[in-house]
Amino acid sequence: MTFARILIAAALLLTASPSFAAKKPLASGERIDVNRASVVELMRLPGVGRKRAEAIAAKRDRTSFRRLEDLLSVKGISARWLDKQRPHLSVGSAVPAASARGAKPHP
């Protein structure tokens, strides 16, 4: 009975927190749109953990990214990091702040 409880608790923990679950690797040629991606999607980028993904999302919530170089204004992101990530990134049109958080936009 104890083993079953441990197994269930482990399964719940993995499904409750995507950061603990295995990252789904990017497909060849797949790009992440930094203006639309969720924190979990940003974490799929090589070498990006929750802290950096949350920093990108927080900056985006204040001001949308117009070009990839705008990511350099995020604390902890360097030009070297951006050069490594460039093949995996894209900058699409901005998402209204209400939509980005899951709220319904005003009519």
PDB file of N, CA and C in Angstrom:
ATOM      1  N   MET A   1       0.816  -1.187   0.000  1.00  0.00           N
ATOM      2  CA  MET A   1       0.000   0.000   0.000  1.00  0.00           C
ATOM      3  C   MET A   1       0.870   1.266   0.000  1.00  0.00           C
ATOM      4  N   THR A   2       1.964   1.285   0.722  1.00  0.00           N
ATOM      5  CA  THR A   2       2.839   2.441   0.788  1.00  0.00           C
ATOM      6  C   THR A   2       3.474   2.723  -0.575  1.00  0.00           C
ATOM      7  N   PHE A   3       3.917   1.693  -1.256  1.00  0.00           N
ATOM      8  CA  PHE A   3       4.514   1.871  -2.577  1.00  0.00           C
ATOM      9  C   PHE A   3       3.512   2.488  -3.551  1.00  0.00           C
ATOM     10  N   ALA A   4       2.275   2.053  -3.490  1.00  0.00           N
ATOM     11  CA  ALA A   4       1.244   2.591  -4.378  1.00  0.00           C
ATOM     12  C   ALA A   4       1.020   4.070  -4.109  1.00  0.00           C
ATOM     13  N   ARG A   5       1.023   4.471  -2.859  1.00  0.00           N
ATOM     14  CA  ARG A   5       0.842   5.894  -2.520  1.00  0.00           C
ATOM     15  C   ARG A   5       2.014   6.728  -3.027  1.00  0.00           C
ATOM     16  N   ILE A   6       3.203   6.189  -2.892  1.00  0.00           N
ATOM     17  CA  ILE A   6       4.386   6.906  -3.383  1.00  0.00           C
ATOM     18  C   ILE A   6       4.320   7.062  -4.896  1.00  0.00           C
ATOM     19  N   LEU A   7       3.914   6.010  -5.562  1.00  0.00           N
ATOM     20  CA  LEU A   7       3.802   6.041  -7.011  1.00  0.00           C
ATOM     21  C   LEU A   7       2.756   7.064  -7.459  1.00  0.00           C
ATOM     22  N   ILE A   8       1.613   7.088  -6.791  1.00  0.00           N
ATOM     23  CA  ILE A   8       0.553   8.050  -7.119  1.00  0.00           C
ATOM     24  C   ILE A   8       1.026   9.467  -6.845  1.00  0.00           C
ATOM     25  N   ALA A   9       1.693   9.688  -5.712  1.00  0.00           N
ATOM     26  CA  ALA A   9       2.197  11.022  -5.379  1.00  0.00           C
ATOM     27  C   ALA A   9       3.212  11.494  -6.419  1.00  0.00           C
ATOM     28  N   ALA A  10       4.083  10.612  -6.858  1.00  0.00           N
ATOM     29  CA  ALA A  10       5.074  10.975  -7.878  1.00  0.00           C
ATOM     30  C   ALA A  10       4.390  11.338  -9.196  1.00  0.00           C
ATOM     31  N   ALA A  11       3.387  10.564  -9.580  1.00  0.00           N
ATOM     32  CA  ALA A  11       2.657  10.842 -10.822  1.00  0.00           C
ATOM     33  C   ALA A  11       1.949  12.187 -10.737  1.00  0.00           C
ATOM     34  N   LEU A  12       1.331  12.480  -9.609  1.00  0.00           N
ATOM     35  CA  LEU A  12       0.640  13.766  -9.439  1.00  0.00           C
ATOM     36  C   LEU A  12       1.622  14.923  -9.478  1.00  0.00           C
ATOM     37  N   LEU A  13       2.767  14.752  -8.871  1.00  0.00           N
ATOM     38  CA  LEU A  13       3.780  15.800  -8.870  1.00  0.00           C
ATOM     39  C   LEU A  13       4.266  16.097 -10.278  1.00  0.00           C
ATOM     40  N   LEU A  14       4.500  15.074 -11.064  1.00  0.00           N
ATOM     41  CA  LEU A  14       4.975  15.267 -12.433  1.00  0.00           C
ATOM     42  C   LEU A  14       3.930  15.926 -13.320  1.00  0.00           C
ATOM     43  N   THR A  15       2.672  15.609 -13.139  1.00  0.00           N
ATOM     44  CA  THR A  15       1.638  16.213 -13.973  1.00  0.00           C
ATOM     45  C   THR A  15       1.255  17.595 -13.478  1.00  0.00           C
ATOM     46  N   ALA A  16       1.414  17.858 -12.198  1.00  0.00           N
ATOM     47  CA  ALA A  16       1.029  19.151 -11.645  1.00  0.00           C
ATOM     48  C   ALA A  16       2.029  20.239 -11.990  1.00  0.00           C
ATOM     49  N   SER A  17       3.276  19.900 -12.129  1.00  0.00           N
ATOM     50  CA  SER A  17       4.311  20.887 -12.392  1.00  0.00           C
ATOM     51  C   SER A  17       5.098  20.506 -13.639  1.00  0.00           C
ATOM     52  N   PRO A  18       4.806  21.151 -14.766  1.00  0.00           N
ATOM     53  CA  PRO A  18       5.503  20.816 -16.003  1.00  0.00           C
ATOM     54  C   PRO A  18       7.012  21.002 -15.916  1.00  0.00           C
ATOM     55  N   SER A  19       7.481  21.860 -15.006  1.00  0.00           N
ATOM     56  CA  SER A  19       8.920  22.068 -14.915  1.00  0.00           C
ATOM     57  C   SER A  19       9.630  20.824 -14.403  1.00  0.00           C
ATOM     58  N   PHE A  20       8.929  19.957 -13.669  1.00  0.00           N
ATOM     59  CA  PHE A  20       9.527  18.720 -13.191  1.00  0.00           C
ATOM     60  C   PHE A  20       9.450  17.625 -14.248  1.00  0.00           C
ATOM     61  N   ALA A  21       8.513  17.741 -15.147  1.00  0.00           N
ATOM     62  CA  ALA A  21       8.358  16.729 -16.200  1.00  0.00           C
ATOM     63  C   ALA A  21       9.458  16.917 -17.242  1.00  0.00           C
ATOM     64  N   ALA A  22       9.692  15.892 -18.016  1.00  0.00           N
ATOM     65  CA  ALA A  22      10.712  15.969 -19.067  1.00  0.00           C
ATOM     66  C   ALA A  22      10.308  17.014 -20.098  1.00  0.00           C
ATOM     67  N   LYS A  23      11.283  17.793 -20.539  1.00  0.00           N
ATOM     68  CA  LYS A  23      11.021  18.803 -21.556  1.00  0.00           C
ATOM     69  C   LYS A  23      10.815  18.123 -22.898  1.00  0.00           C
ATOM     70  N   LYS A  24       9.819  18.589 -23.630  1.00  0.00           N
ATOM     71  CA  LYS A  24       9.596  18.098 -24.989  1.00  0.00           C
ATOM     72  C   LYS A  24      10.593  18.826 -25.876  1.00  0.00           C
ATOM     73  N   PRO A  25      11.509  18.107 -26.506  1.00  0.00           N
ATOM     74  CA  PRO A  25      12.520  18.775 -27.325  1.00  0.00           C
ATOM     75  C   PRO A  25      11.898  19.442 -28.550  1.00  0.00           C
ATOM     76  N   LEU A  26      12.550  20.480 -29.021  1.00  0.00           N
ATOM     77  CA  LEU A  26      12.093  21.167 -30.219  1.00  0.00           C
ATOM     78  C   LEU A  26      12.340  20.286 -31.440  1.00  0.00           C
ATOM     79  N   ALA A  27      11.383  20.287 -32.337  1.00  0.00           N
ATOM     80  CA  ALA A  27      11.549  19.566 -33.595  1.00  0.00           C
ATOM     81  C   ALA A  27      12.512  20.351 -34.484  1.00  0.00           C
ATOM     82  N   SER A  28      13.098  19.688 -35.437  1.00  0.00           N
ATOM     83  CA  SER A  28      14.009  20.338 -36.355  1.00  0.00           C
ATOM     84  C   SER A  28      13.285  21.488 -37.069  1.00  0.00           C
ATOM     85  N   GLY A  29      13.849  22.669 -36.986  1.00  0.00           N
ATOM     86  CA  GLY A  29      13.257  23.828 -37.636  1.00  0.00           C
ATOM     87  C   GLY A  29      12.136  24.497 -36.858  1.00  0.00           C
ATOM     88  N   GLU A  30      11.749  23.924 -35.722  1.00  0.00           N
ATOM     89  CA  GLU A  30      10.669  24.516 -34.914  1.00  0.00           C
ATOM     90  C   GLU A  30      11.173  25.778 -34.223  1.00  0.00           C
ATOM     91  N   ARG A  31      10.305  26.783 -34.193  1.00  0.00           N
ATOM     92  CA  ARG A  31      10.649  28.047 -33.552  1.00  0.00           C
ATOM     93  C   ARG A  31       9.607  28.391 -32.495  1.00  0.00           C
ATOM     94  N   ILE A  32      10.063  29.036 -31.455  1.00  0.00           N
ATOM     95  CA  ILE A  32       9.197  29.496 -30.377  1.00  0.00           C
ATOM     96  C   ILE A  32       8.995  30.996 -30.548  1.00  0.00           C
ATOM     97  N   ASP A  33       7.744  31.427 -30.598  1.00  0.00           N
ATOM     98  CA  ASP A  33       7.409  32.847 -30.726  1.00  0.00           C
ATOM     99  C   ASP A  33       7.469  33.467 -29.325  1.00  0.00           C
ATOM    100  N   VAL A  34       8.432  34.342 -29.103  1.00  0.00           N
ATOM    101  CA  VAL A  34       8.634  34.906 -27.770  1.00  0.00           C
ATOM    102  C   VAL A  34       7.500  35.831 -27.337  1.00  0.00           C
ATOM    103  N   ASN A  35       6.681  36.291 -28.268  1.00  0.00           N
ATOM    104  CA  ASN A  35       5.540  37.136 -27.903  1.00  0.00           C
ATOM    105  C   ASN A  35       4.289  36.340 -27.570  1.00  0.00           C
ATOM    106  N   ARG A  36       4.258  35.067 -27.879  1.00  0.00           N
ATOM    107  CA  ARG A  36       3.059  34.258 -27.657  1.00  0.00           C
ATOM    108  C   ARG A  36       3.266  33.023 -26.780  1.00  0.00           C
ATOM    109  N   ALA A  37       4.498  32.596 -26.612  1.00  0.00           N
ATOM    110  CA  ALA A  37       4.783  31.352 -25.900  1.00  0.00           C
ATOM    111  C   ALA A  37       4.519  31.472 -24.404  1.00  0.00           C
ATOM    112  N   SER A  38       4.014  30.395 -23.834  1.00  0.00           N
ATOM    113  CA  SER A  38       3.837  30.331 -22.387  1.00  0.00           C
ATOM    114  C   SER A  38       5.197  30.084 -21.739  1.00  0.00           C
ATOM    115  N   VAL A  39       5.245  30.188 -20.430  1.00  0.00           N
ATOM    116  CA  VAL A  39       6.481  29.910 -19.703  1.00  0.00           C
ATOM    117  C   VAL A  39       6.940  28.478 -19.981  1.00  0.00           C
ATOM    118  N   VAL A  40       6.007  27.537 -19.975  1.00  0.00           N
ATOM    119  CA  VAL A  40       6.354  26.134 -20.236  1.00  0.00           C
ATOM    120  C   VAL A  40       6.910  25.967 -21.643  1.00  0.00           C
ATOM    121  N   GLU A  41       6.326  26.648 -22.623  1.00  0.00           N
ATOM    122  CA  GLU A  41       6.839  26.561 -23.990  1.00  0.00           C
ATOM    123  C   GLU A  41       8.240  27.172 -24.087  1.00  0.00           C
ATOM    124  N   LEU A  42       8.459  28.287 -23.421  1.00  0.00           N
ATOM    125  CA  LEU A  42       9.786  28.907 -23.426  1.00  0.00           C
ATOM    126  C   LEU A  42      10.823  27.990 -22.793  1.00  0.00           C
ATOM    127  N   MET A  43      10.409  27.203 -21.831  1.00  0.00           N
ATOM    128  CA  MET A  43      11.321  26.279 -21.165  1.00  0.00           C
ATOM    129  C   MET A  43      11.776  25.142 -22.083  1.00  0.00           C
ATOM    130  N   ARG A  44      11.118  24.971 -23.215  1.00  0.00           N
ATOM    131  CA  ARG A  44      11.546  23.961 -24.187  1.00  0.00           C
ATOM    132  C   ARG A  44      12.818  24.370 -24.913  1.00  0.00           C
ATOM    133  N   LEU A  45      13.166  25.640 -24.849  1.00  0.00           N
ATOM    134  CA  LEU A  45      14.396  26.105 -25.484  1.00  0.00           C
ATOM    135  C   LEU A  45      15.597  25.510 -24.758  1.00  0.00           C
ATOM    136  N   PRO A  46      16.629  25.137 -25.493  1.00  0.00           N
ATOM    137  CA  PRO A  46      17.813  24.556 -24.854  1.00  0.00           C
ATOM    138  C   PRO A  46      18.413  25.507 -23.822  1.00  0.00           C
ATOM    139  N   GLY A  47      18.630  24.999 -22.622  1.00  0.00           N
ATOM    140  CA  GLY A  47      19.262  25.790 -21.570  1.00  0.00           C
ATOM    141  C   GLY A  47      18.367  26.804 -20.901  1.00  0.00           C
ATOM    142  N   VAL A  48      17.067  26.755 -21.125  1.00  0.00           N
ATOM    143  CA  VAL A  48      16.147  27.714 -20.509  1.00  0.00           C
ATOM    144  C   VAL A  48      15.360  27.002 -19.416  1.00  0.00           C
ATOM    145  N   GLY A  49      15.512  27.502 -18.210  1.00  0.00           N
ATOM    146  CA  GLY A  49      14.760  26.984 -17.076  1.00  0.00           C
ATOM    147  C   GLY A  49      13.600  27.898 -16.744  1.00  0.00           C
ATOM    148  N   ARG A  50      12.927  27.582 -15.657  1.00  0.00           N
ATOM    149  CA  ARG A  50      11.744  28.356 -15.264  1.00  0.00           C
ATOM    150  C   ARG A  50      12.083  29.824 -15.011  1.00  0.00           C
ATOM    151  N   LYS A  51      13.180  30.098 -14.324  1.00  0.00           N
ATOM    152  CA  LYS A  51      13.527  31.474 -13.967  1.00  0.00           C
ATOM    153  C   LYS A  51      13.714  32.354 -15.209  1.00  0.00           C
ATOM    154  N   ARG A  52      14.468  31.871 -16.176  1.00  0.00           N
ATOM    155  CA  ARG A  52      14.708  32.660 -17.390  1.00  0.00           C
ATOM    156  C   ARG A  52      13.421  32.792 -18.214  1.00  0.00           C
ATOM    157  N   ALA A  53      12.640  31.707 -18.296  1.00  0.00           N
ATOM    158  CA  ALA A  53      11.375  31.755 -19.041  1.00  0.00           C
ATOM    159  C   ALA A  53      10.414  32.758 -18.403  1.00  0.00           C
ATOM    160  N   GLU A  54      10.357  32.775 -17.084  1.00  0.00           N
ATOM    161  CA  GLU A  54       9.489  33.729 -16.395  1.00  0.00           C
ATOM    162  C   GLU A  54       9.966  35.157 -16.597  1.00  0.00           C
ATOM    163  N   ALA A  55      11.290  35.371 -16.655  1.00  0.00           N
ATOM    164  CA  ALA A  55      11.831  36.712 -16.899  1.00  0.00           C
ATOM    165  C   ALA A  55      11.449  37.203 -18.293  1.00  0.00           C
ATOM    166  N   ILE A  56      11.503  36.317 -19.278  1.00  0.00           N
ATOM    167  CA  ILE A  56      11.098  36.680 -20.644  1.00  0.00           C
ATOM    168  C   ILE A  56       9.614  37.031 -20.672  1.00  0.00           C
ATOM    169  N   ALA A  57       8.795  36.205 -20.044  1.00  0.00           N
ATOM    170  CA  ALA A  57       7.347  36.441 -20.039  1.00  0.00           C
ATOM    171  C   ALA A  57       7.006  37.735 -19.298  1.00  0.00           C
ATOM    172  N   ALA A  58       7.690  38.016 -18.194  1.00  0.00           N
ATOM    173  CA  ALA A  58       7.423  39.236 -17.427  1.00  0.00           C
ATOM    174  C   ALA A  58       7.755  40.480 -18.251  1.00  0.00           C
ATOM    175  N   LYS A  59       8.884  40.449 -18.939  1.00  0.00           N
ATOM    176  CA  LYS A  59       9.275  41.587 -19.784  1.00  0.00           C
ATOM    177  C   LYS A  59       8.273  41.767 -20.922  1.00  0.00           C
ATOM    178  N   ARG A  60       7.847  40.662 -21.522  1.00  0.00           N
ATOM    179  CA  ARG A  60       6.885  40.696 -22.623  1.00  0.00           C
ATOM    180  C   ARG A  60       5.542  41.250 -22.163  1.00  0.00           C
ATOM    181  N   ASP A  61       5.155  40.971 -20.910  1.00  0.00           N
ATOM    182  CA  ASP A  61       3.894  41.486 -20.391  1.00  0.00           C
ATOM    183  C   ASP A  61       3.909  43.007 -20.282  1.00  0.00           C
ATOM    184  N   ARG A  62       5.099  43.572 -20.081  1.00  0.00           N
ATOM    185  CA  ARG A  62       5.222  45.029 -19.999  1.00  0.00           C
ATOM    186  C   ARG A  62       5.329  45.662 -21.384  1.00  0.00           C
ATOM    187  N   THR A  63       6.131  45.059 -22.242  1.00  0.00           N
ATOM    188  CA  THR A  63       6.371  45.573 -23.592  1.00  0.00           C
ATOM    189  C   THR A  63       6.634  44.406 -24.531  1.00  0.00           C
ATOM    190  N   SER A  64       5.905  44.354 -25.625  1.00  0.00           N
ATOM    191  CA  SER A  64       6.102  43.276 -26.602  1.00  0.00           C
ATOM    192  C   SER A  64       7.463  43.409 -27.267  1.00  0.00           C
ATOM    193  N   PHE A  65       7.997  42.268 -27.666  1.00  0.00           N
ATOM    194  CA  PHE A  65       9.268  42.259 -28.383  1.00  0.00           C
ATOM    195  C   PHE A  65       8.993  42.561 -29.856  1.00  0.00           C
ATOM    196  N   ARG A  66       9.740  43.494 -30.430  1.00  0.00           N
ATOM    197  CA  ARG A  66       9.591  43.837 -31.842  1.00  0.00           C
ATOM    198  C   ARG A  66      10.608  43.080 -32.700  1.00  0.00           C
ATOM    199  N   ARG A  67      11.746  42.762 -32.107  1.00  0.00           N
ATOM    200  CA  ARG A  67      12.800  42.018 -32.794  1.00  0.00           C
ATOM    201  C   ARG A  67      13.531  41.181 -31.752  1.00  0.00           C
ATOM    202  N   LEU A  68      14.261  40.183 -32.185  1.00  0.00           N
ATOM    203  CA  LEU A  68      14.929  39.290 -31.247  1.00  0.00           C
ATOM    204  C   LEU A  68      15.918  40.020 -30.343  1.00  0.00           C
ATOM    205  N   GLU A  69      16.554  41.057 -30.850  1.00  0.00           N
ATOM    206  CA  GLU A  69      17.526  41.800 -30.058  1.00  0.00           C
ATOM    207  C   GLU A  69      16.891  42.452 -28.833  1.00  0.00           C
ATOM    208  N   ASP A  70      15.581  42.642 -28.840  1.00  0.00           N
ATOM    209  CA  ASP A  70      14.888  43.203 -27.673  1.00  0.00           C
ATOM    210  C   ASP A  70      15.001  42.283 -26.460  1.00  0.00           C
ATOM    211  N   LEU A  71      15.268  40.998 -26.686  1.00  0.00           N
ATOM    212  CA  LEU A  71      15.457  40.063 -25.579  1.00  0.00           C
ATOM    213  C   LEU A  71      16.670  40.427 -24.726  1.00  0.00           C
ATOM    214  N   LEU A  72      17.603  41.184 -25.284  1.00  0.00           N
ATOM    215  CA  LEU A  72      18.797  41.581 -24.535  1.00  0.00           C
ATOM    216  C   LEU A  72      18.452  42.474 -23.348  1.00  0.00           C
ATOM    217  N   SER A  73      17.248  43.048 -23.329  1.00  0.00           N
ATOM    218  CA  SER A  73      16.832  43.876 -22.193  1.00  0.00           C
ATOM    219  C   SER A  73      16.330  43.041 -21.019  1.00  0.00           C
ATOM    220  N   VAL A  74      16.228  41.726 -21.209  1.00  0.00           N
ATOM    221  CA  VAL A  74      15.808  40.827 -20.135  1.00  0.00           C
ATOM    222  C   VAL A  74      17.027  40.477 -19.296  1.00  0.00           C
ATOM    223  N   LYS A  75      16.911  40.644 -17.992  1.00  0.00           N
ATOM    224  CA  LYS A  75      18.023  40.343 -17.097  1.00  0.00           C
ATOM    225  C   LYS A  75      18.452  38.881 -17.267  1.00  0.00           C
ATOM    226  N   GLY A  76      19.750  38.676 -17.434  1.00  0.00           N
ATOM    227  CA  GLY A  76      20.285  37.325 -17.573  1.00  0.00           C
ATOM    228  C   GLY A  76      20.438  36.855 -19.005  1.00  0.00           C
ATOM    229  N   ILE A  77      20.036  37.676 -19.973  1.00  0.00           N
ATOM    230  CA  ILE A  77      20.179  37.283 -21.377  1.00  0.00           C
ATOM    231  C   ILE A  77      21.299  38.109 -22.003  1.00  0.00           C
ATOM    232  N   SER A  78      22.259  37.395 -22.553  1.00  0.00           N
ATOM    233  CA  SER A  78      23.411  38.045 -23.172  1.00  0.00           C
ATOM    234  C   SER A  78      23.345  37.883 -24.691  1.00  0.00           C
ATOM    235  N   ALA A  79      24.200  38.622 -25.370  1.00  0.00           N
ATOM    236  CA  ALA A  79      24.278  38.512 -26.828  1.00  0.00           C
ATOM    237  C   ALA A  79      24.714  37.101 -27.227  1.00  0.00           C
ATOM    238  N   ARG A  80      25.588  36.502 -26.457  1.00  0.00           N
ATOM    239  CA  ARG A  80      26.043  35.137 -26.749  1.00  0.00           C
ATOM    240  C   ARG A  80      24.883  34.147 -26.633  1.00  0.00           C
ATOM    241  N   TRP A  81      24.080  34.289 -25.563  1.00  0.00           N
ATOM    242  CA  TRP A  81      22.918  33.414 -25.386  1.00  0.00           C
ATOM    243  C   TRP A  81      21.954  33.585 -26.554  1.00  0.00           C
ATOM    244  N   LEU A  82      21.701  34.840 -26.928  1.00  0.00           N
ATOM    245  CA  LEU A  82      20.776  35.116 -28.028  1.00  0.00           C
ATOM    246  C   LEU A  82      21.276  34.503 -29.329  1.00  0.00           C
ATOM    247  N   ASP A  83      22.559  34.603 -29.611  1.00  0.00           N
ATOM    248  CA  ASP A  83      23.111  34.012 -30.835  1.00  0.00           C
ATOM    249  C   ASP A  83      22.905  32.502 -30.876  1.00  0.00           C
ATOM    250  N   LYS A  84      23.043  31.832 -29.727  1.00  0.00           N
ATOM    251  CA  LYS A  84      22.831  30.379 -29.678  1.00  0.00           C
ATOM    252  C   LYS A  84      21.358  30.020 -29.877  1.00  0.00           C
ATOM    253  N   GLN A  85      20.469  30.854 -29.365  1.00  0.00           N
ATOM    254  CA  GLN A  85      19.032  30.569 -29.408  1.00  0.00           C
ATOM    255  C   GLN A  85      18.355  31.055 -30.688  1.00  0.00           C
ATOM    256  N   ARG A  86      18.993  31.937 -31.403  1.00  0.00           N
ATOM    257  CA  ARG A  86      18.378  32.569 -32.588  1.00  0.00           C
ATOM    258  C   ARG A  86      17.685  31.594 -33.537  1.00  0.00           C
ATOM    259  N   PRO A  87      18.263  30.422 -33.841  1.00  0.00           N
ATOM    260  CA  PRO A  87      17.582  29.494 -34.758  1.00  0.00           C
ATOM    261  C   PRO A  87      16.269  28.935 -34.211  1.00  0.00           C
ATOM    262  N   HIS A  88      16.073  29.050 -32.898  1.00  0.00           N
ATOM    263  CA  HIS A  88      14.885  28.486 -32.257  1.00  0.00           C
ATOM    264  C   HIS A  88      13.822  29.536 -31.938  1.00  0.00           C
ATOM    265  N   LEU A  89      14.104  30.801 -32.231  1.00  0.00           N
ATOM    266  CA  LEU A  89      13.223  31.892 -31.808  1.00  0.00           C
ATOM    267  C   LEU A  89      12.585  32.613 -32.986  1.00  0.00           C
ATOM    268  N   SER A  90      11.407  33.164 -32.726  1.00  0.00           N
ATOM    269  CA  SER A  90      10.764  34.064 -33.680  1.00  0.00           C
ATOM    270  C   SER A  90      10.041  35.141 -32.886  1.00  0.00           C
ATOM    271  N   VAL A  91       9.749  36.241 -33.568  1.00  0.00           N
ATOM    272  CA  VAL A  91       9.022  37.344 -32.947  1.00  0.00           C
ATOM    273  C   VAL A  91       7.790  37.607 -33.796  1.00  0.00           C
ATOM    274  N   GLY A  92       6.662  37.124 -33.316  1.00  0.00           N
ATOM    275  CA  GLY A  92       5.399  37.351 -34.006  1.00  0.00           C
ATOM    276  C   GLY A  92       4.764  38.630 -33.503  1.00  0.00           C
ATOM    277  N   SER A  93       3.545  38.861 -33.951  1.00  0.00           N
ATOM    278  CA  SER A  93       2.841  40.054 -33.504  1.00  0.00           C
ATOM    279  C   SER A  93       2.543  39.950 -32.017  1.00  0.00           C
ATOM    280  N   ALA A  94       2.413  41.085 -31.396  1.00  0.00           N
ATOM    281  CA  ALA A  94       2.161  41.140 -29.957  1.00  0.00           C
ATOM    282  C   ALA A  94       0.769  40.624 -29.635  1.00  0.00           C
ATOM    283  N   VAL A  95       0.639  40.037 -28.456  1.00  0.00           N
ATOM    284  CA  VAL A  95      -0.649  39.558 -27.962  1.00  0.00           C
ATOM    285  C   VAL A  95      -1.143  40.571 -26.947  1.00  0.00           C
ATOM    286  N   PRO A  96      -2.415  41.005 -27.033  1.00  0.00           N
ATOM    287  CA  PRO A  96      -2.918  41.927 -26.019  1.00  0.00           C
ATOM    288  C   PRO A  96      -2.721  41.324 -24.623  1.00  0.00           C
ATOM    289  N   ALA A  97      -2.396  42.157 -23.652  1.00  0.00           N
ATOM    290  CA  ALA A  97      -2.087  41.694 -22.304  1.00  0.00           C
ATOM    291  C   ALA A  97      -3.195  40.824 -21.722  1.00  0.00           C
ATOM    292  N   ALA A  98      -4.463  41.167 -21.942  1.00  0.00           N
ATOM    293  CA  ALA A  98      -5.578  40.378 -21.397  1.00  0.00           C
ATOM    294  C   ALA A  98      -5.589  38.992 -21.993  1.00  0.00           C
ATOM    295  N   SER A  99      -5.319  38.858 -23.276  1.00  0.00           N
ATOM    296  CA  SER A  99      -5.310  37.554 -23.926  1.00  0.00           C
ATOM    297  C   SER A  99      -4.137  36.698 -23.466  1.00  0.00           C
ATOM    298  N   ALA A 100      -3.015  37.328 -23.228  1.00  0.00           N
ATOM    299  CA  ALA A 100      -1.820  36.596 -22.814  1.00  0.00           C
ATOM    300  C   ALA A 100      -2.027  35.928 -21.462  1.00  0.00           C
ATOM    301  N   ARG A 101      -2.853  36.509 -20.611  1.00  0.00           N
ATOM    302  CA  ARG A 101      -3.079  35.933 -19.281  1.00  0.00           C
ATOM    303  C   ARG A 101      -4.294  35.034 -19.255  1.00  0.00           C
ATOM    304  N   GLY A 102      -4.951  34.838 -20.394  1.00  0.00           N
ATOM    305  CA  GLY A 102      -6.096  33.943 -20.425  1.00  0.00           C
ATOM    306  C   GLY A 102      -7.429  34.629 -20.212  1.00  0.00           C
ATOM    307  N   ALA A 103      -7.414  35.945 -20.002  1.00  0.00           N
ATOM    308  CA  ALA A 103      -8.667  36.674 -19.824  1.00  0.00           C
ATOM    309  C   ALA A 103      -9.254  37.005 -21.183  1.00  0.00           C
ATOM    310  N   LYS A 104     -10.532  37.254 -21.191  1.00  0.00           N
ATOM    311  CA  LYS A 104     -11.195  37.605 -22.444  1.00  0.00           C
ATOM    312  C   LYS A 104     -10.932  39.068 -22.757  1.00  0.00           C
ATOM    313  N   PRO A 105     -10.598  39.370 -24.021  1.00  0.00           N
ATOM    314  CA  PRO A 105     -10.375  40.769 -24.402  1.00  0.00           C
ATOM    315  C   PRO A 105     -11.697  41.523 -24.404  1.00  0.00           C
ATOM    316  N   HIS A 106     -11.581  42.815 -24.217  1.00  0.00           N
ATOM    317  CA  HIS A 106     -12.777  43.659 -24.231  1.00  0.00           C
ATOM    318  C   HIS A 106     -13.336  43.736 -25.644  1.00  0.00           C
ATOM    319  N   PRO A 107     -14.683  43.737 -25.794  1.00  0.00           N
ATOM    320  CA  PRO A 107     -15.271  43.799 -27.138  1.00  0.00           C
ATOM    321  C   PRO A 107     -15.051  45.119 -27.810  1.00  0.00           C
TER     322      PRO A 107
END
